[in-house]
């Protein structure tokens, strides 16, 4: 992302923060780069937001400054009283509870690379190899996802034919997908439109909708294909068929893609907080200011220090460059006095809410064999929960021996009203669904609930063009980067990539003071 420079400063470009599965926004250097006054020994940089992206950006700034022998003064401002954002691990009675994301994928290298540099990669563990599959609710019972079905495409017709999940009409409709003519043009379309067009309505309603909902918490009728699952769009364009493309991929790789994907998920033995704690430690408590909300940003073109970050308590933090690593609605409030038009564009990115409910049981209370990592629930099943993860089956060490930890998800774009109830209501609703679906007897040993209001960004049709418009607007504001899961990429690796690219963009476009002796 190009930035216009000013006298005595340099542009920087990138974007960072957040919780989904695509590439982050890259930064670009301005065509004309001016060097900060060489008599200014220290450059002041501020990162606003201490979620995983903001922490990654801050750590990378310090890392690069050390490598290049540069002097920076770094401040990380976080409104909450703890770092990590949606990453939140709680230890309780021998159980490890993840209130937010519980793992990340290794095929996107940025998280693993960061762990290696931090020296915590030895604490990573893979999923349980004995139960690498998922299930889906169909008419009140759990049915395995057909082998070879990868998010939006079946590749094994034999497994599909034997599955009780679909009718014969639905199976035949999916089987003829290679005969469906590819769509002309390059316009964006919704996930629902794409799946229905290529695979039929049953594929959407009974499997794709709950699988995609588990990732984005969104409504496939409004989610952008290009912004969420662009590779399927590429498959249709390059091969004329999603099934044909997936078969070629399976033959090339030599293994089952759906099962292999579960082996790519990893977490830390003591929970995801391991990453947050290590980043916070490296940044240092003197730089990380918790419980410090920001109210607005002010730009002063003629001043030696271009930016002023105004805090909610009235204090002002001077800055030469700023990385805004927070939800777009928070960023909008901060830039409103600076650029109302930019604020309006940022508010055009919507978010939905979710709740995570943990329930702990003795193993003998649950009749179901729990022979999977969990299950998803189609909207048409009319349940309160939209998914459940068998946390202690998926990863070892999540519950004491002889016990089970379940993690249910409620809310999302299709079930907002579920979250209108109290925490007790949510726990009761999750308990009822799990009791019926898993054959549970008795009360849970304990429960825990965590709400995430406006935490899941919704990439609606046209999202990519919307982001391009925001980039163009940002180009008029030197040394300001805005990133988050509202832009591109909701998964942990994507957020790390965005944060690090924001830092690298700033370091590459600004000569940060004289080198240390």
Protein backbone atom coordinates (compact mmCIF):
# COMPACT_ATOMS: atom_id res chain seq x y z
CA UNK A 1 0.00 0.00 0.00
CA UNK A 2 1.59 3.23 -1.04
CA UNK A 3 1.80 6.18 1.30
CA UNK A 4 2.48 9.80 0.49
CA UNK A 5 5.47 11.25 2.27
CA UNK A 6 5.86 14.63 3.97
CA UNK A 7 8.82 16.85 4.57
CA UNK A 8 10.98 15.26 7.23
CA UNK A 9 9.16 11.92 7.22
CA UNK A 10 8.62 8.75 5.24
CA UNK A 11 5.57 6.74 4.16
CA UNK A 12 4.82 3.23 5.37
CA UNK A 13 2.30 0.72 4.25
CA UNK A 14 0.67 -2.48 5.48
CA UNK A 15 -2.16 -3.60 7.67
CA UNK A 16 -2.47 -5.81 10.89
CA UNK A 17 -4.77 -7.81 13.61
CA UNK A 18 -7.50 -10.40 14.40
CA UNK A 19 -9.11 -14.41 14.55
CA UNK A 20 -9.92 -17.09 9.39
CA UNK A 21 -7.74 -18.66 6.59
CA UNK A 22 -6.40 -16.28 3.64
CA UNK A 23 -3.36 -13.99 2.91
CA UNK A 24 -2.94 -10.65 4.74
CA UNK A 25 -2.69 -7.20 3.17
CA UNK A 26 0.82 -6.49 1.82
CA UNK A 27 2.53 -3.18 2.21
CA UNK A 28 4.25 -1.20 -0.54
CA UNK A 29 6.88 1.50 -0.50
CA UNK A 30 6.10 4.98 -1.77
CA UNK A 31 7.82 5.97 -5.02
CA UNK A 32 9.44 8.88 -3.24
CA UNK A 33 10.96 8.22 0.19
CA UNK A 34 12.36 11.06 2.27
CA UNK A 35 14.63 10.39 5.23
CA UNK A 36 13.87 11.52 8.76
CA UNK A 37 16.19 14.21 10.03
CA UNK A 38 19.44 12.49 10.88
CA UNK A 39 19.85 14.54 14.02
CA UNK A 40 16.74 12.89 15.44
CA UNK A 41 18.21 9.93 17.31
CA UNK A 42 15.00 8.07 18.10
CA UNK A 43 11.85 7.52 16.09
CA UNK A 44 8.63 7.10 18.06
CA UNK A 45 6.37 4.32 16.86
CA UNK A 46 2.97 3.45 18.30
CA UNK A 47 1.00 0.24 17.83
CA UNK A 48 -2.64 0.53 18.86
CA UNK A 49 -4.10 -2.84 19.81
CA UNK A 50 -2.41 -5.76 21.57
CA UNK A 51 -4.18 -8.64 19.90
CA UNK A 52 -2.05 -11.21 18.12
CA UNK A 53 -1.54 -8.91 15.12
CA UNK A 54 -0.58 -5.87 17.15
CA UNK A 55 1.81 -7.90 19.30
CA UNK A 56 3.32 -9.46 16.18
CA UNK A 57 3.81 -6.01 14.64
CA UNK A 58 5.43 -4.65 17.80
CA UNK A 59 7.72 -7.64 18.18
CA UNK A 60 8.81 -7.42 14.54
CA UNK A 61 9.59 -3.71 14.91
CA UNK A 62 11.87 -4.47 17.85
CA UNK A 63 13.38 -7.43 16.05
CA UNK A 64 14.24 -5.41 12.95
CA UNK A 65 15.51 -2.45 14.97
CA UNK A 66 17.90 -4.78 16.77
CA UNK A 67 19.06 -6.45 13.55
CA UNK A 68 19.70 -3.12 11.86
CA UNK A 69 21.15 -1.36 14.88
CA UNK A 70 18.45 1.32 14.88
CA UNK A 71 17.00 3.21 17.82
CA UNK A 72 13.22 3.28 18.22
CA UNK A 73 10.87 4.24 21.01
CA UNK A 74 7.95 1.81 20.86
CA UNK A 75 4.63 2.10 22.66
CA UNK A 76 1.83 -0.47 22.45
CA UNK A 77 -1.57 0.78 23.61
CA UNK A 78 -4.32 -1.68 24.54
CA UNK A 79 -7.77 -0.76 25.86
CA UNK A 80 -8.31 -4.06 27.69
CA UNK A 81 -6.55 -5.11 30.87
CA UNK A 82 -4.79 -8.06 29.21
CA UNK A 83 -3.02 -8.63 25.89
CA UNK A 84 -4.12 -11.19 23.31
CA UNK A 85 -7.50 -9.98 22.11
CA UNK A 86 -9.62 -13.03 21.28
CA UNK A 87 -6.75 -15.37 22.21
CA UNK A 88 -7.53 -16.23 25.82
CA UNK A 89 -6.53 -19.42 27.67
CA UNK A 90 -7.83 -20.32 31.15
CA UNK A 91 -6.55 -23.13 33.38
CA UNK A 92 -9.18 -24.60 35.71
CA UNK A 93 -9.09 -27.75 37.86
CA UNK A 94 -6.73 -29.56 35.51
CA UNK A 95 -8.65 -28.47 32.39
CA UNK A 96 -7.31 -26.10 29.72
CA UNK A 97 -10.05 -23.84 28.36
CA UNK A 98 -9.63 -21.85 25.15
CA UNK A 99 -12.11 -18.98 25.10
CA UNK A 100 -10.98 -18.00 21.60
CA UNK A 101 -9.02 -19.81 18.87
CA UNK A 102 -7.59 -23.12 20.05
CA UNK A 103 -5.04 -23.79 17.29
CA UNK A 104 -3.55 -22.67 13.99
CA UNK A 105 -2.56 -24.28 10.69
CA UNK A 106 1.03 -24.98 9.69
CA UNK A 107 0.60 -24.78 5.91
CA UNK A 108 0.59 -21.01 6.29
CA UNK A 109 4.16 -20.56 7.60
CA UNK A 110 4.01 -17.25 9.44
CA UNK A 111 2.89 -18.58 12.84
CA UNK A 112 5.38 -21.45 12.85
CA UNK A 113 8.18 -19.13 11.75
CA UNK A 114 7.38 -16.73 14.59
CA UNK A 115 7.31 -19.58 17.12
CA UNK A 116 10.73 -20.69 15.92
CA UNK A 117 12.17 -17.21 16.32
CA UNK A 118 10.63 -16.97 19.79
CA UNK A 119 12.03 -20.37 20.73
CA UNK A 120 8.63 -21.84 21.64
CA UNK A 121 8.16 -24.19 18.68
CA UNK A 122 9.19 -27.10 20.93
CA UNK A 123 5.96 -26.56 22.89
CA UNK A 124 3.73 -27.20 19.88
CA UNK A 125 1.66 -30.37 19.62
CA UNK A 126 -0.40 -31.88 16.81
CA UNK A 127 -3.95 -33.15 16.83
CA UNK A 128 -4.80 -36.66 18.02
CA UNK A 129 -4.07 -38.90 14.99
CA UNK A 130 -6.76 -41.46 15.97
CA UNK A 131 -9.77 -39.19 15.42
CA UNK A 132 -8.94 -36.86 12.52
CA UNK A 133 -12.42 -36.34 11.18
CA UNK A 134 -15.51 -34.21 11.79
CA UNK A 135 -19.23 -34.92 11.99
CA UNK A 136 -22.38 -33.04 11.06
CA UNK A 137 -25.87 -33.13 12.58
CA UNK A 138 -28.57 -34.62 10.38
CA UNK A 139 -32.08 -35.11 11.79
CA UNK A 140 -30.90 -35.16 15.38
CA UNK A 141 -27.93 -37.51 15.05
CA UNK A 142 -24.25 -37.16 14.25
CA UNK A 143 -23.16 -38.28 10.78
CA UNK A 144 -19.52 -38.36 9.60
CA UNK A 145 -18.55 -35.84 6.95
CA UNK A 146 -18.01 -37.97 3.81
CA UNK A 147 -14.37 -38.87 3.23
CA UNK A 148 -12.78 -36.63 0.66
CA UNK A 149 -15.19 -33.73 1.19
CA UNK A 150 -12.99 -30.68 1.59
CA UNK A 151 -14.99 -27.62 2.67
CA UNK A 152 -16.94 -27.18 -0.54
CA UNK A 153 -16.17 -30.14 -2.79
CA UNK A 154 -16.49 -33.96 -2.75
CA UNK A 155 -13.65 -35.92 -4.34
CA UNK A 156 -14.63 -39.50 -3.45
CA UNK A 157 -17.89 -40.43 -5.11
CA UNK A 158 -17.98 -43.81 -3.35
CA UNK A 159 -17.89 -42.21 0.07
CA UNK A 160 -20.47 -39.66 -1.03
CA UNK A 161 -22.79 -42.40 -2.36
CA UNK A 162 -22.71 -44.27 0.97
CA UNK A 163 -23.28 -41.20 3.14
CA UNK A 164 -26.71 -40.85 4.81
CA UNK A 165 -26.20 -37.10 4.84
CA UNK A 166 -27.63 -36.50 1.36
CA UNK A 167 -30.58 -37.79 -0.66
CA UNK A 168 -29.95 -39.65 -3.91
CA UNK A 169 -31.11 -36.59 -5.79
CA UNK A 170 -28.59 -34.47 -3.92
CA UNK A 171 -25.81 -36.98 -4.54
CA UNK A 172 -26.52 -37.11 -8.27
CA UNK A 173 -26.57 -33.32 -8.44
CA UNK A 174 -23.10 -33.18 -6.90
CA UNK A 175 -21.82 -35.97 -9.12
CA UNK A 176 -22.59 -34.04 -12.31
CA UNK A 177 -20.63 -30.97 -11.16
CA UNK A 178 -17.87 -31.60 -13.75
CA UNK A 179 -20.53 -31.21 -16.45
CA UNK A 180 -21.69 -27.80 -15.24
CA UNK A 181 -20.42 -25.02 -17.46
CA UNK A 182 -18.05 -22.59 -15.81
CA UNK A 183 -19.32 -19.09 -15.20
CA UNK A 184 -18.07 -16.34 -17.47
CA UNK A 185 -16.70 -13.05 -16.21
CA UNK A 186 -14.73 -12.26 -13.11
CA UNK A 187 -17.37 -10.65 -10.89
CA UNK A 188 -17.58 -11.57 -7.22
CA UNK A 189 -20.46 -13.77 -6.04
CA UNK A 190 -21.67 -15.17 -2.74
CA UNK A 191 -20.60 -18.54 -1.38
CA UNK A 192 -24.22 -19.68 -1.54
CA UNK A 193 -24.50 -18.73 -5.19
CA UNK A 194 -21.30 -20.57 -6.11
CA UNK A 195 -22.09 -23.78 -4.21
CA UNK A 196 -25.70 -23.93 -5.39
CA UNK A 197 -24.64 -23.27 -8.97
CA UNK A 198 -21.99 -25.96 -9.01
CA UNK A 199 -23.10 -28.57 -6.46
CA UNK A 200 -26.77 -27.96 -5.70
CA UNK A 201 -28.85 -26.80 -2.78
CA UNK A 202 -28.41 -29.89 -0.59
CA UNK A 203 -24.63 -29.52 -0.60
CA UNK A 204 -25.05 -25.96 0.62
CA UNK A 205 -27.69 -26.50 3.29
CA UNK A 206 -26.52 -29.80 4.76
CA UNK A 207 -22.76 -29.40 4.80
CA UNK A 208 -21.12 -26.32 3.25
CA UNK A 209 -23.15 -23.80 5.26
CA UNK A 210 -22.24 -25.30 8.67
CA UNK A 211 -18.60 -25.88 7.69
CA UNK A 212 -18.16 -22.31 6.45
CA UNK A 213 -20.17 -21.01 9.40
CA UNK A 214 -17.67 -22.67 11.72
CA UNK A 215 -14.89 -20.59 10.16
CA UNK A 216 -16.51 -17.21 9.58
CA UNK A 217 -19.70 -17.35 11.61
CA UNK A 218 -21.32 -15.89 8.52
CA UNK A 219 -24.28 -16.24 6.20
CA UNK A 220 -23.19 -17.87 2.91
CA UNK A 221 -25.87 -15.84 1.13
CA UNK A 222 -23.83 -12.68 1.78
CA UNK A 223 -20.24 -13.92 2.22
CA UNK A 224 -17.90 -13.11 -0.66
CA UNK A 225 -16.42 -16.09 -2.48
CA UNK A 226 -13.43 -14.06 -3.63
CA UNK A 227 -12.63 -12.80 -0.12
CA UNK A 228 -13.11 -16.14 1.68
CA UNK A 229 -12.61 -19.14 -0.61
CA UNK A 230 -10.91 -17.66 -3.66
CA UNK A 231 -9.13 -20.90 -4.50
CA UNK A 232 -12.45 -22.52 -5.44
CA UNK A 233 -13.08 -19.66 -7.83
CA UNK A 234 -9.63 -20.34 -9.30
CA UNK A 235 -10.44 -24.04 -9.61
CA UNK A 236 -13.52 -23.32 -11.68
CA UNK A 237 -11.62 -20.85 -13.85
CA UNK A 238 -8.56 -23.07 -14.42
CA UNK A 239 -10.17 -26.53 -14.56
CA UNK A 240 -13.82 -25.86 -15.37
CA UNK A 241 -14.82 -27.96 -12.34
CA UNK A 242 -14.13 -27.95 -8.61
CA UNK A 243 -14.36 -31.75 -8.36
CA UNK A 244 -11.97 -32.21 -11.28
CA UNK A 245 -9.50 -29.80 -9.71
CA UNK A 246 -9.70 -31.51 -6.31
CA UNK A 247 -9.13 -34.93 -7.85
CA UNK A 248 -6.02 -33.67 -9.62
CA UNK A 249 -4.78 -32.18 -6.37
CA UNK A 250 -5.35 -35.48 -4.53
CA UNK A 251 -3.49 -37.47 -7.19
CA UNK A 252 -0.62 -35.02 -7.14
CA UNK A 253 -0.28 -35.02 -3.34
CA UNK A 254 -0.84 -38.76 -3.03
CA UNK A 255 -2.97 -38.57 0.11
CA UNK A 256 -6.46 -37.80 1.31
CA UNK A 257 -6.80 -34.03 1.53
CA UNK A 258 -9.63 -33.86 4.07
CA UNK A 259 -7.87 -36.15 6.55
CA UNK A 260 -4.46 -34.62 5.87
CA UNK A 261 -5.75 -31.14 6.64
CA UNK A 262 -6.55 -32.09 10.23
CA UNK A 263 -2.87 -33.03 10.71
CA UNK A 264 -1.91 -29.45 9.88
CA UNK A 265 -3.55 -28.05 13.02
CA UNK A 266 -1.28 -27.46 16.02
CA UNK A 267 -1.50 -25.79 19.41
CA UNK A 268 0.66 -25.33 22.49
CA UNK A 269 0.78 -27.86 25.30
CA UNK A 270 -0.31 -25.19 27.80
CA UNK A 271 -2.71 -23.41 25.48
CA UNK A 272 -2.60 -20.55 22.99
CA UNK A 273 -1.68 -18.08 25.72
CA UNK A 274 1.89 -19.41 25.35
CA UNK A 275 2.29 -17.32 22.20
CA UNK A 276 0.73 -14.21 23.74
CA UNK A 277 2.76 -14.46 26.94
CA UNK A 278 6.02 -14.83 25.04
CA UNK A 279 5.30 -11.90 22.73
CA UNK A 280 4.30 -9.71 25.67
CA UNK A 281 7.48 -10.69 27.52
CA UNK A 282 9.68 -9.85 24.53
CA UNK A 283 7.96 -6.48 24.06
CA UNK A 284 8.29 -5.67 27.76
CA UNK A 285 5.90 -4.22 30.31
CA UNK A 286 7.46 -0.75 29.97
CA UNK A 287 6.31 -0.60 26.34
CA UNK A 288 2.99 -2.44 26.69
CA UNK A 289 0.39 -0.15 28.26
CA UNK A 290 -2.76 -2.09 29.15
CA UNK A 291 -6.08 -0.51 30.10
CA UNK A 292 -5.24 2.48 27.90
CA UNK A 293 -7.98 3.20 25.36
CA UNK A 294 -7.34 5.64 22.51
CA UNK A 295 -9.91 8.27 21.57
CA UNK A 296 -8.52 9.92 18.42
CA UNK A 297 -5.53 10.59 16.16
CA UNK A 298 -4.28 13.99 15.07
CA UNK A 299 -1.83 14.76 12.24
CA UNK A 300 0.43 17.82 12.25
CA UNK A 301 2.31 18.21 8.97
CA UNK A 302 4.54 21.05 10.16
CA UNK A 303 5.58 19.50 13.47
CA UNK A 304 8.78 17.55 14.15
CA UNK A 305 6.63 14.66 15.41
CA UNK A 306 3.80 14.24 12.91
CA UNK A 307 1.20 12.35 14.90
CA UNK A 308 -0.51 12.78 18.23
CA UNK A 309 -2.36 9.84 19.74
CA UNK A 310 -4.96 11.19 22.13
CA UNK A 311 -5.92 8.83 24.96
CA UNK A 312 -9.33 8.57 26.58
CA UNK A 313 -7.98 10.23 29.75
CA UNK A 314 -6.79 13.26 27.77
CA UNK A 315 -3.08 12.40 27.65
CA UNK A 316 -1.26 12.66 24.32
CA UNK A 317 1.34 10.21 23.00
CA UNK A 318 3.54 11.64 20.19
CA UNK A 319 4.37 9.37 17.25
CA UNK A 320 6.26 9.44 13.97
CA UNK A 321 4.37 6.41 12.74
CA UNK A 322 1.28 4.47 13.80
CA UNK A 323 0.04 0.94 13.19
CA UNK A 324 -3.67 0.64 14.01
CA UNK A 325 -4.19 -3.05 14.82
CA UNK A 326 -7.78 -3.21 16.00
CA UNK A 327 -11.31 -3.89 14.68
CA UNK A 328 -12.34 -1.53 11.91
CA UNK A 329 -15.14 0.00 13.97
CA UNK A 330 -12.59 0.98 16.63
CA UNK A 331 -10.26 2.36 13.98
CA UNK A 332 -13.19 4.33 12.53
CA UNK A 333 -13.80 6.08 15.84
CA UNK A 334 -10.13 7.04 16.11
CA UNK A 335 -9.79 8.45 12.58
CA UNK A 336 -13.20 10.19 12.52
CA UNK A 337 -11.79 13.65 13.43
CA UNK A 338 -8.96 13.15 10.96
CA UNK A 339 -10.92 11.78 7.98
CA UNK A 340 -14.71 11.27 8.28
CA UNK A 341 -14.85 9.68 4.83
CA UNK A 342 -12.28 7.04 5.80
CA UNK A 343 -14.16 6.40 9.03
CA UNK A 344 -17.35 5.81 7.06
CA UNK A 345 -15.61 3.30 4.80
CA UNK A 346 -14.20 1.44 7.79
CA UNK A 347 -17.65 1.23 9.36
CA UNK A 348 -18.87 -0.39 6.16
CA UNK A 349 -17.14 -3.59 7.31
CA UNK A 350 -19.57 -5.41 9.57
CA UNK A 351 -18.96 -7.87 12.39
CA UNK A 352 -21.04 -10.52 14.08
CA UNK A 353 -21.01 -11.87 17.63
CA UNK A 354 -20.32 -15.30 19.08
CA UNK A 355 -20.22 -17.10 22.41
CA UNK A 356 -18.04 -20.00 23.52
CA UNK A 357 -19.44 -22.33 26.18
CA UNK A 358 -17.23 -24.89 27.93
CA UNK A 359 -18.79 -27.89 29.65
CA UNK A 360 -16.76 -30.46 31.62
CA UNK A 361 -17.97 -34.04 32.25
CA UNK A 362 -16.74 -37.38 33.46
CA UNK A 363 -16.23 -39.68 30.48
CA UNK A 364 -18.80 -42.16 31.78
CA UNK A 365 -21.49 -39.46 31.56
CA UNK A 366 -21.31 -39.40 27.76
CA UNK A 367 -22.71 -42.29 25.71
CA UNK A 368 -21.34 -41.15 22.35
CA UNK A 369 -17.94 -42.65 21.41
CA UNK A 370 -16.55 -39.16 20.67
CA UNK A 371 -14.65 -40.62 17.73
CA UNK A 372 -14.06 -37.30 15.96
CA UNK A 373 -12.76 -33.82 16.70
CA UNK A 374 -16.29 -32.45 16.93
CA UNK A 375 -19.31 -31.61 14.83
CA UNK A 376 -21.05 -28.77 13.03
CA UNK A 377 -24.76 -28.01 12.99
CA UNK A 378 -26.63 -26.89 9.85
CA UNK A 379 -28.89 -23.90 10.35
CA UNK A 380 -31.85 -25.92 9.08
CA UNK A 381 -31.52 -28.22 12.14
CA UNK A 382 -32.81 -25.33 14.28
CA UNK A 383 -30.45 -25.96 17.19
CA UNK A 384 -29.04 -23.33 19.54
CA UNK A 385 -25.42 -24.31 18.94
CA UNK A 386 -23.71 -24.01 15.57
CA UNK A 387 -20.77 -26.31 16.37
CA UNK A 388 -19.05 -28.24 19.13
CA UNK A 389 -15.40 -29.20 19.53
CA UNK A 390 -14.36 -32.23 21.59
CA UNK A 391 -11.42 -30.32 23.04
CA UNK A 392 -9.95 -33.14 25.12
CA UNK A 393 -10.21 -35.57 22.20
CA UNK A 394 -8.69 -33.17 19.69
CA UNK A 395 -5.63 -32.39 21.82
CA UNK A 396 -4.11 -34.27 24.77
CA UNK A 397 -3.81 -32.54 28.10
CA UNK A 398 -7.06 -30.56 27.86
CA UNK A 399 -8.79 -32.55 30.62
CA UNK A 400 -7.72 -34.86 33.46
CA UNK A 401 -7.78 -38.59 32.81
CA UNK A 402 -11.32 -39.97 32.71
CA UNK A 403 -12.84 -36.58 31.91
CA UNK A 404 -14.03 -34.76 28.81
CA UNK A 405 -14.04 -31.07 27.90
CA UNK A 406 -16.58 -29.91 25.32
CA UNK A 407 -16.52 -26.50 23.63
CA UNK A 408 -19.78 -25.29 22.08
CA UNK A 409 -20.25 -22.27 19.82
CA UNK A 410 -23.36 -20.12 19.61
CA UNK A 411 -24.34 -17.04 17.65
CA UNK A 412 -22.95 -15.99 14.30
CA UNK A 413 -24.73 -14.15 11.53
CA UNK A 414 -27.58 -16.66 11.25
CA UNK A 415 -28.34 -16.99 14.97
CA UNK A 416 -27.84 -13.55 16.47
CA UNK A 417 -30.95 -13.77 18.62
CA UNK A 418 -29.54 -16.73 20.54
CA UNK A 419 -27.13 -14.33 22.20
CA UNK A 420 -29.93 -12.13 23.53
CA UNK A 421 -30.22 -14.42 26.55
CA UNK A 422 -28.17 -14.31 29.73
CA UNK A 423 -25.02 -16.36 30.24
CA UNK A 424 -27.09 -18.90 32.19
CA UNK A 425 -29.48 -19.11 29.23
CA UNK A 426 -26.60 -19.80 26.84
CA UNK A 427 -25.13 -22.50 29.07
CA UNK A 428 -28.55 -24.14 29.45
CA UNK A 429 -29.19 -24.04 25.69
CA UNK A 430 -25.79 -25.58 24.91
CA UNK A 431 -26.33 -28.22 27.58
CA UNK A 432 -29.71 -29.24 26.15
CA UNK A 433 -28.35 -29.65 22.63
CA UNK A 434 -25.30 -31.60 23.76
CA UNK A 435 -27.34 -33.85 26.03
CA UNK A 436 -29.61 -34.84 23.14
CA UNK A 437 -26.88 -35.24 20.54
CA UNK A 438 -24.23 -36.98 22.66
CA UNK A 439 -26.37 -38.95 25.10
CA UNK A 440 -25.16 -37.13 28.22
CA UNK A 441 -26.48 -38.03 31.67
CA UNK A 442 -26.24 -35.84 34.73
CA UNK A 443 -25.02 -32.29 35.14
CA UNK A 444 -21.64 -30.98 34.00
CA UNK A 445 -18.87 -30.75 36.56
CA UNK A 446 -18.57 -27.08 35.69
CA UNK A 447 -19.33 -24.67 32.87
CA UNK A 448 -17.78 -21.47 31.61
CA UNK A 449 -19.08 -18.91 29.12
CA UNK A 450 -17.29 -16.25 27.09
CA UNK A 451 -18.96 -13.74 24.80
CA UNK A 452 -17.22 -12.08 21.88
CA UNK A 453 -19.30 -9.08 20.74
CA UNK A 454 -18.50 -7.85 17.23
CA UNK A 455 -15.51 -10.17 16.96
CA UNK A 456 -16.06 -11.97 13.65
CA UNK A 457 -15.61 -9.80 10.55
CA UNK A 458 -18.02 -10.49 7.69
CA UNK A 459 -16.49 -10.44 4.22
CA UNK A 460 -19.57 -9.58 2.18
CA UNK A 461 -19.83 -9.74 -1.60
CA UNK A 462 -17.70 -6.89 -2.95
CA UNK A 463 -15.36 -6.97 0.07
CA UNK A 464 -12.18 -7.01 -2.01
CA UNK A 465 -13.22 -3.86 -3.88
CA UNK A 466 -14.21 -2.23 -0.59
CA UNK A 467 -10.74 -2.88 0.82
CA UNK A 468 -9.13 -1.42 -2.29
CA UNK A 469 -11.16 1.77 -1.78
CA UNK A 470 -9.94 1.97 1.83
CA UNK A 471 -6.35 1.50 0.67
CA UNK A 472 -6.73 4.35 -1.78
CA UNK A 473 -8.08 6.57 0.99
CA UNK A 474 -5.26 5.61 3.35
CA UNK A 475 -2.69 6.64 0.76
CA UNK A 476 -3.35 10.27 1.65
CA UNK A 477 -2.31 9.74 5.30
CA UNK A 478 1.47 9.36 5.71
CA UNK A 479 2.87 6.93 8.24
CA UNK A 480 -0.52 5.43 9.14
CA UNK A 481 -1.29 1.74 8.69
CA UNK A 482 -4.64 0.17 9.54
CA UNK A 483 -5.07 -3.59 9.70
CA UNK A 484 -7.24 -6.21 11.29
CA UNK A 485 -9.37 -9.27 10.67
CA UNK A 486 -11.80 -6.90 9.02
CA UNK A 487 -9.46 -6.62 6.05
CA UNK A 488 -7.97 -9.95 4.98
CA UNK A 489 -7.35 -13.14 6.91
CA UNK A 490 -8.98 -14.20 10.17
CA UNK A 491 -6.66 -17.05 11.20
CA UNK A 492 -3.69 -16.74 13.56
CA UNK A 493 -1.06 -17.12 10.78
CA UNK A 494 -2.80 -14.49 8.64
CA UNK A 495 -2.90 -12.06 11.54
CA UNK A 496 0.78 -12.60 12.29
CA UNK A 497 1.62 -12.07 8.63
CA UNK A 498 -0.30 -8.80 8.54
CA UNK A 499 1.32 -7.51 11.71
CA UNK A 500 4.82 -8.39 10.59
CA UNK A 501 4.31 -6.91 7.13
CA UNK A 502 3.10 -3.68 8.71
CA UNK A 503 6.27 -3.54 10.78
CA UNK A 504 8.49 -4.43 7.82
CA UNK A 505 6.80 -1.78 5.70
CA UNK A 506 7.44 0.89 8.29
CA UNK A 507 11.07 -0.15 8.78
CA UNK A 508 11.71 -0.32 5.04
CA UNK A 509 10.28 3.13 4.29
CA UNK A 510 11.68 5.04 7.24
CA UNK A 511 15.33 5.63 8.08
CA UNK A 512 14.96 5.26 11.83
CA UNK A 513 17.56 7.53 13.30
CA UNK A 514 21.33 6.99 13.27
CA UNK A 515 22.78 3.54 13.82
CA UNK A 516 23.98 2.71 17.27
CA UNK A 517 27.70 2.51 17.74
